[in-house]
Amino acid sequence: MRVISLAGSPRIPSRSAGLLTLSQNWLRQQGVEVIAYTLHDFDAEDLLYANFNSPAIKAFTEQLAQADGLLISTPVYKASFSGALKTLLDLLPERALDHKVVLPLATGGSVGHMLAVDYALKPVLAALKAQEVLHGVFADDSQVQLNGEDVTLSDGVAGRLEEALESFYLALGRRKPPSLRVTLPLSTRQTA
C-alpha cells in the first residue's frame, strides 16, 4: 500500500504537521509506504499564480495517481482550512482522488473549529472524487504539545488518532482499485 501525506500548514513545525508525523510513523510501522509532502515542496509563485504546468505540481499529481490513499493535515484558520492548502488542491485535476481513501487531520485554536473539516475540507476532497473520506481527527491546540520535533498528544486525541488510523488502514485494504472496474451493458435487452 502507498499513501501520500500532505502537510497543509504554511508553518513547520506546526501542530497539524505533528499529528501528520505521528500518523506517518504509525502507517510505516504497518508496512505502508508513505510519501511525504508539505506546502514548502511547491513554489509559492506557482501556487499564487495557479501554475498548472508547475513541475512540482505535476510530480505531486503523478505520485497521487499511483497512491492508494491520502493523509492530509491542516490548521484551521478563520473557521476553514489553510488557504495555501486550498490553492494547492485547486491545481489538482478534477478526478485527482478517484479511487483514493482520504483521512483528514486538523488542529485549531478551540473546539469551536472542529466542524471546519466537515463543512470546508471534506466537500473539496469529495469534489476531487475521493472514493471514501473518513471522519478524521480534530485536536484543539491544548491537546497537541510541540517541543522542537517532539509531539505529545493528550490521551483522548491519541486514542482517537489511533482509531482513525486503524480505520484508514482497513479502508486502504478494501478500496476498489481501478483495475477491477467492470463495464455493465447500457441495456439488458436481448437481440435475436
Foldseek 3Di string as FASTA:
>chain_A
DEEEEEEEEPDPPDLQVLLVVVLVVVVVVVVYHYHYDYLVQDDPVCLVVVVLPGPSLVVVLVSLVPGQAYEYEAEADPLAGHPSVVSSLVSHDQQSQALYEYAYEYEYQDCVSVCNCVPHVVVSVVSNVHPYYDPHAYYYPVQWDDDPSDIHGDPVRVVVSVVSSVVNVVCSVPTDDPVPDDDDDPDPDDDD
